[in-house]
Amino acid sequence: MRENTVSAREAGQRLDKYLAKYLPEAPKSFFYKMLRKKNITLNGKKAAGMEKLEEGDCIKLFLSEETIAKFQGRAASAGDFGDGFRMEIGCSSGGNGEFRVANEMQEISLDIVYEDEELLVVNKPGGMLSQRAGREDVSLVEHIGRYLSQEDGALLSGGFRPGICNRLDRNTTGLVVAGKTVRSLQYMNRLFKERELKKYYLCLVQGKVTEGFHARGCLVKDARHNRVEIGQSRGEGAVEIETAYEPLDYAFWQGTWHTLLRVHLITGKSHQIRAHLQSLGHPVAGDGKYGDRECCRAFGKAFGLRYQLLHAWQLQLGSASYLPQQYRGMRLEAPLPELFQKILGELGMRLPDREGKE
């Protein structure tokens, strides 16, 4: 028999969601069968699985250790984390909910913009996936999980996995919000989904932009080639998008005008800013997928640039009623990467202040 007590971080999720994380290899039918037979109970009583868990709730699993081990998967203990290991967040976990580990995870120091008991906000570097695309990938989620396990090993119990609330392209830098509790993941995910916050990016684009613009269009994703196309008609598979921007500064460099834009990402679709600006005649500098090849070569030769100059700069949280009071109106900002700052300086452009003004 295994007895688990729900922590403050795990509270707020449904019992069946908790069980799916605690026994990730088990089919859902197994949970409901065990609940019906009272082989899994909540606070000593029969449960249906739909119950919302609260801190201090007691979950008992009248299952053999062999069954628990089978449905958790073979794993090392959380105490084994150290140099030369990689965690696989959200995949199979071992006894008592420890993460499975694999070899050769590079140690990095997270650039933390903000942290408290519920939220962790980091400045993602270029070249790093937000989430894993394949089983062997190491993404920001894994690095966050490792950081939190070192900060508080009890955080990574079987009923909870830290997660991120927004994603950036591999080579886009800037703000990524992670939840350290089920509750924070729920309200922050809702905030992003319902657009109860404002997202501002900085990017360097080709062309001289002298006025702000609010652009609308329709985006169609080509999953096979990992690209999107922007048009004006709502065809099959198309979704409507909105992107607003304003120029902060511009400069003439190597025979071409370039402009520093402050972009307000109103809708948040895959590759939206890069593809939308390209469709408007202002591709992002350094963008190998949607940008101009000659421009990419010029920046690569002059500065060693190997990724798009696009940075998730600021988040302005809203005042939704479900958002805890301490976060309402909060403003978060991630400093520009050093190379981005260097390029702006070499082009003679002025960096914006916190309000996005020169």
Protein backbone atom coordinates (compact mmCIF):
# COMPACT_ATOMS: atom_id res chain seq x y z
CA MET A 1 0.00 0.00 0.00
CA ARG A 2 1.23 3.50 -0.89
CA GLU A 3 -0.08 6.60 0.93
CA ASN A 4 0.43 10.08 -0.56
CA THR A 5 -0.46 13.44 0.95
CA VAL A 6 -1.35 16.23 -1.48
CA SER A 7 0.99 19.19 -1.17
CA ALA A 8 0.14 22.85 -1.70
CA ARG A 9 1.80 22.70 -5.13
CA GLU A 10 -0.30 19.72 -6.20
CA ALA A 11 -3.62 21.11 -4.98
CA GLY A 12 -6.16 22.32 -7.52
CA GLN A 13 -5.99 19.45 -10.00
CA ARG A 14 -8.42 16.59 -10.44
CA LEU A 15 -7.68 13.24 -8.84
CA ASP A 16 -7.53 11.42 -12.19
CA LYS A 17 -5.01 14.00 -13.50
CA TYR A 18 -2.89 13.43 -10.41
CA LEU A 19 -2.97 9.66 -10.92
CA ALA A 20 -2.05 10.01 -14.61
CA LYS A 21 1.12 11.85 -13.56
CA TYR A 22 1.89 9.52 -10.69
CA LEU A 23 1.43 6.37 -12.79
CA PRO A 24 2.15 7.64 -16.32
CA GLU A 25 2.39 4.18 -17.91
CA ALA A 26 -1.06 3.07 -16.72
CA PRO A 27 -4.10 3.32 -19.04
CA LYS A 28 -6.95 5.53 -17.86
CA SER A 29 -9.22 2.50 -17.62
CA PHE A 30 -6.93 1.13 -14.90
CA PHE A 31 -7.44 4.20 -12.71
CA TYR A 32 -11.21 4.10 -12.96
CA LYS A 33 -11.32 0.35 -12.33
CA MET A 34 -9.16 0.75 -9.20
CA LEU A 35 -11.30 3.66 -8.03
CA ARG A 36 -14.51 1.63 -8.48
CA LYS A 37 -13.02 -1.26 -6.51
CA LYS A 38 -11.72 1.12 -3.81
CA ASN A 39 -8.15 0.02 -4.49
CA ILE A 40 -7.47 3.75 -4.79
CA THR A 41 -9.21 5.98 -2.25
CA LEU A 42 -9.36 9.67 -1.41
CA ASN A 43 -9.43 10.57 2.29
CA GLY A 44 -10.45 7.01 3.10
CA LYS A 45 -13.51 7.10 0.84
CA LYS A 46 -14.48 5.84 -2.59
CA ALA A 47 -13.76 8.42 -5.32
CA ALA A 48 -14.79 8.86 -8.95
CA GLY A 49 -11.66 10.63 -10.19
CA MET A 50 -13.34 13.99 -10.88
CA GLU A 51 -12.70 15.34 -7.38
CA LYS A 52 -10.62 18.52 -7.10
CA LEU A 53 -7.70 17.90 -4.78
CA GLU A 54 -6.94 20.12 -1.80
CA GLU A 55 -3.79 20.48 0.25
CA GLY A 56 -3.61 17.75 2.88
CA ASP A 57 -5.84 15.27 1.03
CA CYS A 58 -4.77 11.66 1.53
CA ILE A 59 -4.58 9.34 -1.48
CA LYS A 60 -4.11 5.65 -0.74
CA LEU A 61 -3.14 3.15 -3.42
CA PHE A 62 -3.83 -0.44 -2.32
CA LEU A 63 -1.54 -1.79 -5.01
CA SER A 64 1.54 -3.97 -4.90
CA GLU A 65 4.93 -2.32 -5.20
CA GLU A 66 5.46 -4.33 -8.37
CA THR A 67 2.32 -2.85 -9.93
CA ILE A 68 3.29 0.66 -8.92
CA ALA A 69 6.82 0.19 -10.27
CA LYS A 70 5.45 -1.20 -13.53
CA PHE A 71 3.17 1.78 -14.15
CA GLN A 72 5.76 4.31 -13.06
CA GLY A 73 8.52 2.91 -15.22
CA ARG A 74 12.09 2.08 -14.30
CA ALA A 75 13.93 5.15 -12.99
CA ALA A 76 16.73 6.48 -10.85
CA SER A 77 16.00 8.49 -7.70
CA ALA A 78 15.81 12.27 -7.63
CA GLY A 79 18.93 12.28 -5.48
CA ASP A 80 20.92 10.89 -8.38
CA PHE A 81 20.67 14.17 -10.29
CA GLY A 82 24.13 15.53 -10.90
CA ASP A 83 26.68 16.17 -13.60
CA GLY A 84 26.15 14.03 -16.67
CA PHE A 85 22.41 13.42 -16.25
CA ARG A 86 19.35 14.58 -18.11
CA MET A 87 15.77 14.68 -16.82
CA GLU A 88 12.81 13.90 -19.00
CA ILE A 89 10.01 15.99 -17.56
CA GLY A 90 6.53 14.73 -18.25
CA CYS A 91 7.66 11.28 -19.35
CA SER A 92 7.81 8.10 -17.33
CA SER A 93 8.69 8.56 -13.71
CA GLY A 94 10.01 6.13 -11.18
CA GLY A 95 9.12 5.08 -7.64
CA ASN A 96 7.62 7.95 -5.61
CA GLY A 97 7.46 10.07 -8.76
CA GLU A 98 11.16 10.61 -9.42
CA PHE A 99 12.20 11.70 -12.89
CA ARG A 100 13.81 9.32 -15.33
CA VAL A 101 17.33 10.44 -16.14
CA ALA A 102 19.64 9.92 -19.07
CA ASN A 103 23.20 10.81 -19.87
CA GLU A 104 24.82 14.02 -21.04
CA MET A 105 22.56 16.88 -20.06
CA GLN A 106 24.61 20.05 -20.24
CA GLU A 107 24.61 22.08 -17.06
CA ILE A 108 23.38 25.65 -17.63
CA SER A 109 22.52 28.57 -15.38
CA LEU A 110 19.00 29.84 -15.96
CA ASP A 111 18.68 33.59 -16.49
CA ILE A 112 15.91 34.18 -13.95
CA VAL A 113 13.86 37.34 -14.40
CA TYR A 114 11.38 36.69 -11.56
CA GLU A 115 10.70 33.92 -9.05
CA ASP A 116 8.43 33.38 -6.07
CA GLU A 117 6.69 30.37 -4.53
CA GLU A 118 4.34 29.98 -7.52
CA LEU A 119 5.97 31.44 -10.63
CA LEU A 120 9.34 31.23 -12.34
CA VAL A 121 10.05 33.56 -15.28
CA VAL A 122 13.23 33.03 -17.27
CA ASN A 123 15.02 34.73 -20.15
CA LYS A 124 15.38 31.92 -22.70
CA PRO A 125 18.61 31.94 -24.73
CA GLY A 126 18.74 31.46 -28.47
CA GLY A 127 19.25 27.92 -29.74
CA MET A 128 17.16 26.25 -27.02
CA LEU A 129 13.80 24.54 -27.54
CA SER A 130 11.00 25.65 -25.23
CA GLN A 131 9.62 22.11 -25.11
CA ARG A 132 10.91 18.82 -26.45
CA ALA A 133 10.13 18.03 -30.06
CA GLY A 134 11.58 14.51 -29.81
CA ARG A 135 12.22 12.04 -27.02
CA GLU A 136 15.95 12.74 -26.92
CA ASP A 137 15.66 16.53 -26.95
CA VAL A 138 16.71 18.64 -23.98
CA SER A 139 14.57 21.74 -23.74
CA LEU A 140 13.98 24.65 -21.39
CA VAL A 141 11.40 22.51 -19.56
CA GLU A 142 14.09 19.98 -18.62
CA HIS A 143 16.44 22.70 -17.43
CA ILE A 144 13.67 24.28 -15.35
CA GLY A 145 12.87 20.89 -13.85
CA ARG A 146 16.47 20.34 -12.92
CA TYR A 147 16.77 23.80 -11.38
CA LEU A 148 13.65 23.27 -9.28
CA SER A 149 14.77 19.81 -8.16
CA GLN A 150 18.00 21.32 -6.85
CA GLU A 151 16.10 24.19 -5.23
CA ASP A 152 13.45 22.00 -3.63
CA GLY A 153 13.47 18.26 -4.24
CA ALA A 154 9.99 17.92 -2.71
CA LEU A 155 8.61 20.06 -5.53
CA LEU A 156 8.94 17.26 -8.07
CA SER A 157 6.65 14.72 -6.45
CA GLY A 158 4.64 12.22 -8.41
CA GLY A 159 1.48 14.31 -8.67
CA PHE A 160 3.02 17.43 -10.18
CA ARG A 161 5.33 18.40 -13.01
CA PRO A 162 6.47 22.00 -13.54
CA GLY A 163 5.48 23.32 -16.94
CA ILE A 164 5.73 26.40 -19.11
CA CYS A 165 2.82 28.63 -20.08
CA ASN A 166 4.16 30.09 -23.32
CA ARG A 167 6.57 28.89 -25.99
CA LEU A 168 9.16 30.63 -28.13
CA ASP A 169 10.80 29.39 -31.32
CA ARG A 170 14.16 27.71 -30.78
CA ASN A 171 16.13 30.77 -31.92
CA THR A 172 13.85 33.42 -30.41
CA THR A 173 15.06 34.74 -27.07
CA GLY A 174 13.21 36.21 -24.13
CA LEU A 175 10.49 35.72 -21.54
CA VAL A 176 9.07 32.28 -20.77
CA VAL A 177 6.71 31.82 -17.81
CA ALA A 178 6.73 28.58 -15.82
CA GLY A 179 4.32 27.44 -13.13
CA LYS A 180 5.66 25.90 -9.92
CA THR A 181 2.22 24.80 -8.73
CA VAL A 182 -0.86 23.33 -10.35
CA ARG A 183 -2.78 26.49 -9.43
CA SER A 184 -0.26 28.84 -11.07
CA LEU A 185 -0.18 26.73 -14.23
CA GLN A 186 -3.96 26.89 -14.40
CA TYR A 187 -4.36 30.65 -14.04
CA MET A 188 -1.32 31.57 -16.14
CA ASN A 189 -2.32 29.22 -18.97
CA ARG A 190 -5.79 30.75 -18.86
CA LEU A 191 -4.29 34.25 -18.94
CA PHE A 192 -2.36 33.45 -22.13
CA LYS A 193 -5.29 31.61 -23.74
CA GLU A 194 -7.76 34.42 -23.06
CA ARG A 195 -5.21 37.14 -23.99
CA GLU A 196 -5.55 38.81 -20.61
CA LEU A 197 -2.00 40.08 -20.92
CA LYS A 198 0.09 42.03 -23.42
CA LYS A 199 3.18 40.56 -25.09
CA TYR A 200 5.81 42.86 -26.53
CA TYR A 201 8.80 41.85 -28.64
CA LEU A 202 11.83 43.70 -29.97
CA CYS A 203 13.11 42.84 -33.43
CA LEU A 204 15.40 44.28 -36.08
CA VAL A 205 13.86 44.21 -39.55
CA GLN A 206 14.80 45.19 -43.06
CA GLY A 207 13.41 48.42 -44.46
CA LYS A 208 12.74 51.87 -43.11
CA VAL A 209 9.57 51.88 -41.00
CA THR A 210 8.47 55.36 -40.00
CA GLU A 211 4.96 54.75 -38.66
CA GLY A 212 3.21 52.22 -36.48
CA PHE A 213 0.82 49.70 -38.03
CA HIS A 214 -1.85 47.24 -36.86
CA ALA A 215 -1.74 44.31 -39.27
CA ARG A 216 -4.33 41.57 -39.71
CA GLY A 217 -4.12 38.46 -41.81
CA CYS A 218 -4.75 34.72 -42.03
CA LEU A 219 -2.12 32.15 -41.14
CA VAL A 220 -1.90 28.65 -42.61
CA LYS A 221 0.55 26.17 -41.10
CA ASP A 222 2.52 23.72 -43.23
CA ALA A 223 3.47 21.14 -40.61
CA ARG A 224 5.38 19.04 -43.09
CA HIS A 225 7.91 21.80 -43.78
CA ASN A 226 7.54 23.57 -40.39
CA ARG A 227 6.53 26.83 -42.08
CA VAL A 228 3.53 29.11 -42.13
CA GLU A 229 2.09 31.25 -44.88
CA ILE A 230 0.27 34.55 -44.43
CA GLY A 231 -2.61 35.66 -46.62
CA GLN A 232 -5.69 37.85 -46.43
CA SER A 233 -8.43 35.28 -47.17
CA ARG A 234 -9.78 32.77 -44.67
CA GLY A 235 -9.21 29.48 -46.46
CA GLU A 236 -9.20 25.92 -45.18
CA GLY A 237 -7.02 25.53 -42.09
CA ALA A 238 -6.38 29.28 -41.82
CA VAL A 239 -6.57 31.17 -38.54
CA GLU A 240 -6.91 34.92 -38.15
CA ILE A 241 -3.94 36.77 -36.67
CA GLU A 242 -3.19 40.29 -35.47
CA THR A 243 0.23 41.90 -35.11
CA ALA A 244 0.85 45.54 -34.20
CA TYR A 245 4.18 47.31 -34.29
CA GLU A 246 5.83 50.69 -33.89
CA PRO A 247 9.31 51.86 -34.95
CA LEU A 248 11.78 52.80 -32.22
CA ASP A 249 14.80 53.70 -34.36
CA TYR A 250 16.23 53.05 -37.82
CA ALA A 251 19.63 53.12 -39.50
CA PHE A 252 21.19 52.76 -42.94
CA TRP A 253 23.74 49.90 -42.95
CA GLN A 254 25.53 48.26 -45.87
CA GLY A 255 23.26 49.83 -48.45
CA THR A 256 19.98 48.92 -46.73
CA TRP A 257 17.70 50.53 -44.16
CA HIS A 258 16.98 48.59 -40.98
CA THR A 259 14.44 49.39 -38.28
CA LEU A 260 14.16 48.42 -34.63
CA LEU A 261 10.51 47.54 -33.99
CA ARG A 262 8.50 47.12 -30.83
CA VAL A 263 5.95 44.45 -31.73
CA HIS A 264 2.71 43.81 -29.87
CA LEU A 265 1.83 40.16 -30.44
CA ILE A 266 -1.95 40.26 -30.12
CA THR A 267 -2.65 36.70 -31.25
CA GLY A 268 0.08 34.17 -30.60
CA LYS A 269 0.45 31.63 -33.39
CA SER A 270 3.44 29.63 -34.56
CA HIS A 271 6.06 31.81 -36.33
CA GLN A 272 3.51 34.64 -36.42
CA ILE A 273 5.80 37.65 -36.02
CA ARG A 274 8.46 36.36 -38.40
CA ALA A 275 6.05 35.35 -41.15
CA HIS A 276 3.72 38.33 -40.76
CA LEU A 277 6.52 40.90 -40.94
CA GLN A 278 8.03 39.09 -43.94
CA SER A 279 4.67 39.23 -45.71
CA LEU A 280 4.59 43.00 -45.10
CA GLY A 281 8.02 43.43 -46.66
CA HIS A 282 9.99 43.69 -43.42
CA PRO A 283 11.67 40.32 -42.71
CA VAL A 284 13.51 39.93 -39.42
CA ALA A 285 17.28 40.26 -39.66
CA GLY A 286 19.10 36.96 -39.35
CA ASP A 287 15.98 34.86 -39.97
CA GLY A 288 17.13 31.89 -42.04
CA LYS A 289 13.59 30.60 -42.62
CA TYR A 290 11.59 33.73 -43.51
CA GLY A 291 14.32 36.33 -43.94
CA ASP A 292 16.43 37.62 -46.82
CA ARG A 293 19.47 35.43 -47.60
CA GLU A 294 21.76 38.32 -48.48
CA CYS A 295 20.83 40.10 -45.27
CA CYS A 296 21.49 36.92 -43.25
CA ARG A 297 24.89 36.52 -44.87
CA ALA A 298 25.80 40.15 -44.19
CA PHE A 299 24.92 39.95 -40.49
CA GLY A 300 26.58 36.57 -40.19
CA LYS A 301 29.82 37.85 -41.72
CA ALA A 302 29.88 41.11 -39.76
CA PHE A 303 28.69 39.87 -36.35
CA GLY A 304 28.63 36.08 -36.41
CA LEU A 305 24.83 36.17 -36.19
CA ARG A 306 23.23 32.73 -36.61
CA TYR A 307 19.64 33.37 -35.52
CA GLN A 308 16.82 35.89 -35.93
CA LEU A 309 17.03 39.12 -33.96
CA LEU A 310 13.67 38.60 -32.27
CA HIS A 311 13.33 38.92 -28.51
CA ALA A 312 10.29 38.41 -26.24
CA TRP A 313 10.92 41.59 -24.29
CA GLN A 314 8.01 42.44 -22.02
CA LEU A 315 4.88 40.92 -20.50
CA GLN A 316 2.18 43.12 -19.01
CA LEU A 317 -0.19 40.99 -16.93
CA GLY A 318 -3.84 41.96 -16.86
CA SER A 319 -6.32 42.22 -14.01
CA ALA A 320 -8.51 39.16 -14.57
CA SER A 321 -10.54 38.24 -11.50
CA TYR A 322 -9.01 34.76 -11.32
CA LEU A 323 -5.45 36.15 -11.23
CA PRO A 324 -4.04 36.49 -7.68
CA GLN A 325 -3.92 40.11 -6.56
CA GLN A 326 -0.13 40.26 -6.31
CA TYR A 327 0.25 39.55 -10.05
CA ARG A 328 -2.37 41.96 -11.40
CA GLY A 329 -0.72 44.60 -13.53
CA MET A 330 2.73 43.06 -13.07
CA ARG A 331 5.28 44.04 -15.71
CA LEU A 332 8.11 41.67 -16.59
CA GLU A 333 11.06 42.50 -18.80
CA ALA A 334 13.95 40.42 -20.17
CA PRO A 335 17.22 42.20 -21.06
CA LEU A 336 18.33 41.94 -24.68
CA PRO A 337 21.02 39.34 -25.47
CA GLU A 338 24.52 40.78 -25.63
CA LEU A 339 24.84 40.16 -29.38
CA PHE A 340 21.54 41.95 -30.08
CA GLN A 341 22.74 44.92 -28.04
CA LYS A 342 26.10 44.91 -29.81
CA ILE A 343 24.49 44.94 -33.26
CA LEU A 344 22.20 47.82 -32.35
CA GLY A 345 25.19 49.73 -31.04
CA GLU A 346 27.21 49.08 -34.20
CA LEU A 347 24.28 50.31 -36.32
CA GLY A 348 24.03 53.44 -34.17
CA MET A 349 20.59 52.64 -32.80
CA ARG A 350 19.44 53.67 -29.37
CA LEU A 351 18.13 51.10 -26.93
CA PRO A 352 14.56 51.65 -25.66
CA ASP A 353 13.80 52.21 -22.00
CA ARG A 354 11.28 50.20 -20.00
CA GLU A 355 8.37 52.01 -21.62
CA GLY A 356 9.63 51.26 -25.12
CA LYS A 357 10.58 54.88 -25.78
CA GLU A 358 13.89 56.27 -26.92
